[in-house]
N, C-alpha and C. Protein backbone atom coordinates (compact mmCIF):
# COMPACT_ATOMS: atom_id res chain seq x y z
N MET A 1 63.48 -5.58 -62.34
CA MET A 1 63.10 -6.06 -63.65
C MET A 1 64.26 -5.85 -64.63
N LEU A 2 64.74 -6.92 -65.20
CA LEU A 2 65.84 -6.84 -66.14
C LEU A 2 65.31 -6.73 -67.56
N ASN A 3 66.04 -6.00 -68.37
CA ASN A 3 65.65 -5.93 -69.77
C ASN A 3 66.07 -7.22 -70.48
N ILE A 4 65.62 -7.40 -71.70
CA ILE A 4 65.83 -8.66 -72.42
C ILE A 4 67.31 -8.92 -72.70
N LYS A 5 68.08 -7.87 -72.98
CA LYS A 5 69.51 -8.08 -73.26
C LYS A 5 70.25 -8.56 -72.02
N GLU A 6 69.92 -8.01 -70.86
CA GLU A 6 70.56 -8.44 -69.62
C GLU A 6 70.16 -9.87 -69.28
N GLN A 7 68.91 -10.24 -69.54
CA GLN A 7 68.47 -11.61 -69.31
C GLN A 7 69.22 -12.58 -70.22
N GLN A 8 69.42 -12.20 -71.45
CA GLN A 8 70.17 -13.04 -72.39
C GLN A 8 71.62 -13.19 -71.94
N ARG A 9 72.23 -12.10 -71.46
CA ARG A 9 73.61 -12.17 -70.98
C ARG A 9 73.72 -13.11 -69.79
N ILE A 10 72.80 -13.01 -68.85
CA ILE A 10 72.82 -13.87 -67.67
C ILE A 10 72.66 -15.34 -68.08
N TYR A 11 71.78 -15.61 -69.04
CA TYR A 11 71.59 -16.97 -69.53
C TYR A 11 72.88 -17.49 -70.17
N ARG A 12 73.53 -16.65 -71.01
CA ARG A 12 74.80 -17.05 -71.62
C ARG A 12 75.84 -17.31 -70.55
N HIS A 13 75.89 -16.46 -69.51
CA HIS A 13 76.88 -16.64 -68.45
C HIS A 13 76.66 -17.96 -67.72
N GLU A 14 75.42 -18.31 -67.44
CA GLU A 14 75.13 -19.58 -66.79
C GLU A 14 75.59 -20.75 -67.65
N ARG A 15 75.37 -20.66 -68.95
CA ARG A 15 75.80 -21.71 -69.88
C ARG A 15 77.32 -21.85 -69.89
N ILE A 16 78.01 -20.71 -69.88
CA ILE A 16 79.48 -20.71 -69.89
C ILE A 16 80.01 -21.29 -68.59
N ARG A 17 79.41 -20.89 -67.47
CA ARG A 17 79.89 -21.30 -66.14
C ARG A 17 79.69 -22.79 -65.88
N ASN A 18 78.78 -23.45 -66.60
CA ASN A 18 78.60 -24.89 -66.42
C ASN A 18 79.87 -25.65 -66.77
N GLY A 19 80.67 -25.13 -67.68
CA GLY A 19 81.89 -25.82 -68.10
C GLY A 19 83.16 -25.24 -67.52
N LEU A 20 83.07 -24.20 -66.71
CA LEU A 20 84.27 -23.55 -66.17
C LEU A 20 84.34 -23.69 -64.65
N VAL A 21 85.49 -24.13 -64.17
CA VAL A 21 85.73 -24.20 -62.73
C VAL A 21 87.15 -23.72 -62.48
N GLY A 22 87.31 -22.79 -61.56
CA GLY A 22 88.64 -22.31 -61.22
C GLY A 22 89.27 -23.24 -60.19
N THR A 23 90.42 -23.78 -60.51
CA THR A 23 91.15 -24.67 -59.59
C THR A 23 92.42 -23.96 -59.14
N PRO A 24 93.09 -24.48 -58.12
CA PRO A 24 94.35 -23.83 -57.71
C PRO A 24 95.39 -23.79 -58.83
N GLY A 25 95.42 -24.82 -59.68
CA GLY A 25 96.38 -24.85 -60.78
C GLY A 25 95.99 -23.98 -61.96
N ARG A 26 94.69 -23.78 -62.13
CA ARG A 26 94.18 -22.97 -63.24
C ARG A 26 92.94 -22.21 -62.78
N PRO A 27 93.15 -21.06 -62.10
CA PRO A 27 92.02 -20.29 -61.60
C PRO A 27 91.22 -19.64 -62.73
N ARG A 28 90.04 -19.16 -62.39
CA ARG A 28 89.12 -18.56 -63.36
C ARG A 28 89.33 -17.05 -63.40
N LEU A 29 89.48 -16.52 -64.61
CA LEU A 29 89.60 -15.07 -64.83
C LEU A 29 88.23 -14.57 -65.26
N CYS A 30 87.54 -13.88 -64.35
CA CYS A 30 86.17 -13.43 -64.58
C CYS A 30 86.16 -11.92 -64.86
N VAL A 31 85.42 -11.53 -65.88
CA VAL A 31 85.35 -10.12 -66.30
C VAL A 31 83.92 -9.62 -66.15
N HIS A 32 83.79 -8.41 -65.63
CA HIS A 32 82.48 -7.76 -65.57
C HIS A 32 82.61 -6.38 -66.22
N ARG A 33 81.64 -6.08 -67.07
CA ARG A 33 81.66 -4.83 -67.83
C ARG A 33 80.47 -3.98 -67.41
N SER A 34 80.73 -2.73 -67.08
CA SER A 34 79.64 -1.79 -66.86
C SER A 34 79.77 -0.68 -67.90
N LEU A 35 78.89 0.28 -67.84
CA LEU A 35 78.91 1.33 -68.84
C LEU A 35 80.18 2.17 -68.76
N ASN A 36 80.65 2.44 -67.54
CA ASN A 36 81.79 3.34 -67.36
C ASN A 36 83.07 2.67 -66.94
N ASN A 37 83.05 1.40 -66.55
CA ASN A 37 84.25 0.73 -66.04
C ASN A 37 84.27 -0.73 -66.41
N LEU A 38 85.40 -1.37 -66.11
CA LEU A 38 85.59 -2.79 -66.34
C LEU A 38 86.26 -3.35 -65.09
N GLN A 39 85.78 -4.50 -64.62
CA GLN A 39 86.38 -5.14 -63.45
C GLN A 39 86.78 -6.55 -63.84
N ALA A 40 87.85 -7.06 -63.23
CA ALA A 40 88.31 -8.43 -63.48
C ALA A 40 88.83 -9.02 -62.19
N GLN A 41 88.57 -10.32 -62.02
CA GLN A 41 89.03 -11.04 -60.84
C GLN A 41 89.60 -12.38 -61.26
N ILE A 42 90.62 -12.83 -60.55
CA ILE A 42 91.12 -14.18 -60.71
C ILE A 42 90.67 -14.94 -59.48
N ILE A 43 89.87 -16.00 -59.70
CA ILE A 43 89.16 -16.67 -58.61
C ILE A 43 89.54 -18.15 -58.56
N ASP A 44 89.79 -18.65 -57.35
CA ASP A 44 89.96 -20.08 -57.10
C ASP A 44 88.63 -20.59 -56.55
N ASP A 45 87.84 -21.24 -57.39
CA ASP A 45 86.50 -21.68 -56.99
C ASP A 45 86.53 -22.80 -55.95
N SER A 46 87.56 -23.64 -55.97
CA SER A 46 87.61 -24.75 -55.01
C SER A 46 87.78 -24.23 -53.58
N ALA A 47 88.52 -23.14 -53.41
CA ALA A 47 88.69 -22.54 -52.09
C ALA A 47 87.69 -21.42 -51.84
N GLY A 48 87.04 -20.96 -52.90
CA GLY A 48 86.08 -19.87 -52.77
C GLY A 48 86.74 -18.54 -52.47
N LYS A 49 87.91 -18.31 -53.06
CA LYS A 49 88.66 -17.08 -52.77
C LYS A 49 89.02 -16.33 -54.03
N VAL A 50 89.00 -15.02 -53.91
CA VAL A 50 89.47 -14.15 -54.98
C VAL A 50 90.97 -13.95 -54.77
N LEU A 51 91.76 -14.38 -55.73
CA LEU A 51 93.22 -14.27 -55.61
C LEU A 51 93.70 -12.87 -55.98
N ILE A 52 93.15 -12.32 -57.05
CA ILE A 52 93.52 -10.98 -57.50
C ILE A 52 92.26 -10.30 -58.03
N GLY A 53 92.08 -9.05 -57.71
CA GLY A 53 90.97 -8.28 -58.25
C GLY A 53 91.47 -6.91 -58.70
N LYS A 54 91.05 -6.50 -59.88
CA LYS A 54 91.45 -5.19 -60.41
C LYS A 54 90.28 -4.56 -61.12
N SER A 55 90.33 -3.25 -61.20
CA SER A 55 89.30 -2.49 -61.89
C SER A 55 89.94 -1.30 -62.58
N THR A 56 89.21 -0.70 -63.48
CA THR A 56 89.72 0.52 -64.11
C THR A 56 89.70 1.67 -63.12
N LEU A 57 89.15 1.46 -61.94
CA LEU A 57 89.15 2.47 -60.89
C LEU A 57 90.39 2.38 -59.99
N ALA A 58 91.20 1.32 -60.14
CA ALA A 58 92.43 1.18 -59.35
C ALA A 58 93.39 2.32 -59.69
N LYS A 59 94.12 2.80 -58.70
CA LYS A 59 94.97 3.98 -58.88
C LYS A 59 96.00 3.80 -59.99
N ASP A 60 96.69 2.64 -60.03
CA ASP A 60 97.72 2.45 -61.04
C ASP A 60 97.15 2.37 -62.46
N VAL A 61 95.92 1.92 -62.59
CA VAL A 61 95.28 1.83 -63.90
C VAL A 61 94.65 3.17 -64.28
N LYS A 62 93.95 3.78 -63.34
CA LYS A 62 93.22 5.02 -63.61
C LYS A 62 94.15 6.17 -64.01
N SER A 63 95.37 6.16 -63.48
CA SER A 63 96.31 7.23 -63.80
C SER A 63 96.72 7.21 -65.28
N LYS A 64 96.59 6.06 -65.95
CA LYS A 64 96.97 5.94 -67.35
C LYS A 64 95.81 6.20 -68.31
N LEU A 65 94.61 6.44 -67.75
CA LEU A 65 93.41 6.51 -68.58
C LEU A 65 92.74 7.87 -68.58
N LYS A 66 92.05 8.14 -69.67
CA LYS A 66 91.17 9.31 -69.73
C LYS A 66 89.76 8.88 -69.33
N SER A 67 89.35 7.70 -69.79
CA SER A 67 88.03 7.15 -69.47
C SER A 67 88.18 5.66 -69.16
N GLY A 68 87.38 5.15 -68.23
CA GLY A 68 87.47 3.75 -67.85
C GLY A 68 86.58 2.83 -68.64
N GLY A 69 85.79 3.36 -69.56
CA GLY A 69 84.81 2.54 -70.26
C GLY A 69 85.06 2.39 -71.74
N ASN A 70 86.33 2.34 -72.15
CA ASN A 70 86.60 2.18 -73.57
C ASN A 70 87.61 1.05 -73.81
N VAL A 71 87.91 0.79 -75.07
CA VAL A 71 88.79 -0.31 -75.46
C VAL A 71 90.21 -0.08 -74.93
N ASN A 72 90.67 1.15 -74.94
CA ASN A 72 92.00 1.47 -74.42
C ASN A 72 92.10 1.11 -72.94
N ALA A 73 91.08 1.44 -72.17
CA ALA A 73 91.07 1.12 -70.74
C ALA A 73 91.08 -0.38 -70.52
N ALA A 74 90.37 -1.12 -71.35
CA ALA A 74 90.33 -2.58 -71.22
C ALA A 74 91.72 -3.18 -71.46
N GLY A 75 92.44 -2.64 -72.44
CA GLY A 75 93.79 -3.12 -72.71
C GLY A 75 94.75 -2.85 -71.56
N VAL A 76 94.67 -1.66 -70.99
CA VAL A 76 95.53 -1.30 -69.86
C VAL A 76 95.21 -2.20 -68.66
N LEU A 77 93.93 -2.44 -68.40
CA LEU A 77 93.52 -3.30 -67.29
C LEU A 77 93.99 -4.73 -67.50
N GLY A 78 93.86 -5.26 -68.72
CA GLY A 78 94.30 -6.62 -69.01
C GLY A 78 95.79 -6.80 -68.79
N GLU A 79 96.56 -5.83 -69.23
CA GLU A 79 98.01 -5.90 -69.05
C GLU A 79 98.38 -5.80 -67.58
N SER A 80 97.76 -4.89 -66.85
CA SER A 80 98.05 -4.70 -65.43
C SER A 80 97.69 -5.94 -64.61
N LEU A 81 96.54 -6.53 -64.89
CA LEU A 81 96.11 -7.73 -64.17
C LEU A 81 97.05 -8.90 -64.46
N ALA A 82 97.45 -9.05 -65.72
CA ALA A 82 98.34 -10.15 -66.10
C ALA A 82 99.69 -10.03 -65.41
N LEU A 83 100.23 -8.83 -65.36
CA LEU A 83 101.53 -8.63 -64.70
C LEU A 83 101.45 -8.94 -63.21
N GLU A 84 100.35 -8.53 -62.57
CA GLU A 84 100.18 -8.83 -61.15
C GLU A 84 100.01 -10.33 -60.91
N ALA A 85 99.30 -11.01 -61.82
CA ALA A 85 99.10 -12.45 -61.70
C ALA A 85 100.42 -13.20 -61.85
N ILE A 86 101.23 -12.78 -62.79
CA ILE A 86 102.51 -13.44 -63.01
C ILE A 86 103.43 -13.24 -61.81
N LYS A 87 103.37 -12.07 -61.17
CA LYS A 87 104.15 -11.84 -59.95
C LYS A 87 103.76 -12.81 -58.85
N LYS A 88 102.46 -13.17 -58.79
CA LYS A 88 101.97 -14.11 -57.78
C LYS A 88 102.12 -15.56 -58.20
N GLY A 89 102.68 -15.81 -59.38
CA GLY A 89 102.92 -17.17 -59.83
C GLY A 89 101.77 -17.80 -60.59
N ILE A 90 100.83 -17.01 -61.06
CA ILE A 90 99.69 -17.53 -61.83
C ILE A 90 99.97 -17.27 -63.30
N LYS A 91 100.10 -18.36 -64.08
CA LYS A 91 100.36 -18.20 -65.51
C LYS A 91 99.22 -18.69 -66.37
N LYS A 92 98.52 -19.74 -65.91
CA LYS A 92 97.41 -20.30 -66.68
C LYS A 92 96.10 -19.99 -65.99
N VAL A 93 95.12 -19.53 -66.76
CA VAL A 93 93.79 -19.24 -66.23
C VAL A 93 92.74 -19.74 -67.21
N SER A 94 91.51 -19.87 -66.71
CA SER A 94 90.35 -20.16 -67.55
C SER A 94 89.60 -18.84 -67.71
N PHE A 95 89.33 -18.44 -68.93
CA PHE A 95 88.71 -17.14 -69.18
C PHE A 95 87.20 -17.24 -69.12
N ASP A 96 86.60 -16.50 -68.20
CA ASP A 96 85.15 -16.42 -68.05
C ASP A 96 84.73 -15.03 -68.51
N ARG A 97 84.14 -14.94 -69.69
CA ARG A 97 83.81 -13.63 -70.25
C ARG A 97 82.51 -13.07 -69.69
N GLY A 98 81.91 -13.76 -68.73
CA GLY A 98 80.75 -13.23 -68.02
C GLY A 98 79.49 -13.12 -68.85
N GLY A 99 79.40 -13.89 -69.94
CA GLY A 99 78.22 -13.82 -70.79
C GLY A 99 78.29 -12.72 -71.83
N TYR A 100 79.31 -11.90 -71.77
CA TYR A 100 79.46 -10.83 -72.76
C TYR A 100 80.03 -11.43 -74.05
N LEU A 101 79.64 -10.87 -75.17
CA LEU A 101 80.16 -11.34 -76.45
C LEU A 101 81.64 -10.99 -76.55
N TYR A 102 82.39 -11.84 -77.25
CA TYR A 102 83.84 -11.66 -77.35
C TYR A 102 84.15 -10.66 -78.47
N HIS A 103 84.00 -9.39 -78.16
CA HIS A 103 84.38 -8.32 -79.07
C HIS A 103 84.50 -7.04 -78.26
N GLY A 104 85.06 -6.02 -78.86
CA GLY A 104 85.17 -4.73 -78.18
C GLY A 104 86.06 -4.79 -76.95
N ARG A 105 85.53 -4.33 -75.82
CA ARG A 105 86.32 -4.23 -74.59
C ARG A 105 86.75 -5.59 -74.06
N ILE A 106 85.88 -6.59 -74.17
CA ILE A 106 86.22 -7.92 -73.66
C ILE A 106 87.37 -8.51 -74.47
N LYS A 107 87.31 -8.36 -75.77
CA LYS A 107 88.38 -8.86 -76.65
C LYS A 107 89.68 -8.12 -76.40
N ALA A 108 89.62 -6.80 -76.25
CA ALA A 108 90.83 -6.00 -75.98
C ALA A 108 91.46 -6.40 -74.66
N PHE A 109 90.62 -6.65 -73.64
CA PHE A 109 91.12 -7.09 -72.33
C PHE A 109 91.84 -8.43 -72.46
N ALA A 110 91.20 -9.40 -73.13
CA ALA A 110 91.77 -10.74 -73.26
C ALA A 110 93.08 -10.72 -74.05
N GLU A 111 93.11 -9.99 -75.15
CA GLU A 111 94.33 -9.93 -75.97
C GLU A 111 95.48 -9.26 -75.22
N ALA A 112 95.19 -8.22 -74.44
CA ALA A 112 96.24 -7.55 -73.67
C ALA A 112 96.77 -8.47 -72.57
N ALA A 113 95.88 -9.24 -71.94
CA ALA A 113 96.31 -10.18 -70.90
C ALA A 113 97.18 -11.28 -71.50
N ARG A 114 96.81 -11.77 -72.67
CA ARG A 114 97.61 -12.80 -73.34
C ARG A 114 98.98 -12.25 -73.73
N LYS A 115 98.98 -11.04 -74.24
CA LYS A 115 100.23 -10.41 -74.67
C LYS A 115 101.18 -10.20 -73.50
N ALA A 116 100.62 -9.92 -72.32
CA ALA A 116 101.44 -9.70 -71.13
C ALA A 116 101.91 -11.00 -70.49
N GLY A 117 101.41 -12.16 -70.97
CA GLY A 117 101.96 -13.42 -70.49
C GLY A 117 100.99 -14.43 -69.90
N LEU A 118 99.72 -14.10 -69.76
CA LEU A 118 98.76 -15.08 -69.26
C LEU A 118 98.41 -16.07 -70.37
N ILE A 119 98.19 -17.32 -70.00
CA ILE A 119 97.86 -18.35 -70.98
C ILE A 119 96.43 -18.79 -70.75
N PHE A 120 95.59 -18.64 -71.78
CA PHE A 120 94.22 -19.14 -71.78
C PHE A 120 93.69 -19.23 -73.18
């Protein structure tokens, strides 16, 4: 049984996903937020493959953090994911915020990824 806020988030995510498709030229950058961590994946929907996946639990990210569930952690994760994507030749992505409102950790993640060189 989901609470009303989670149901609203899932509904928003479905609405967002109707207009977003990850292609080989412009894969989808999907973000998931939990209470203690943040996860992000770059996905090619046409092939059904995850190209890059990172979390605040990854060793290179976790070593820079005190906590994985705050705005600082989101910024570090966004920068780390963007640098890894650029190494693999991915510069343009479609941002899928997962139904979460664009503020706080989601906004910090997106701005850090843009600053590190991803275009969306």
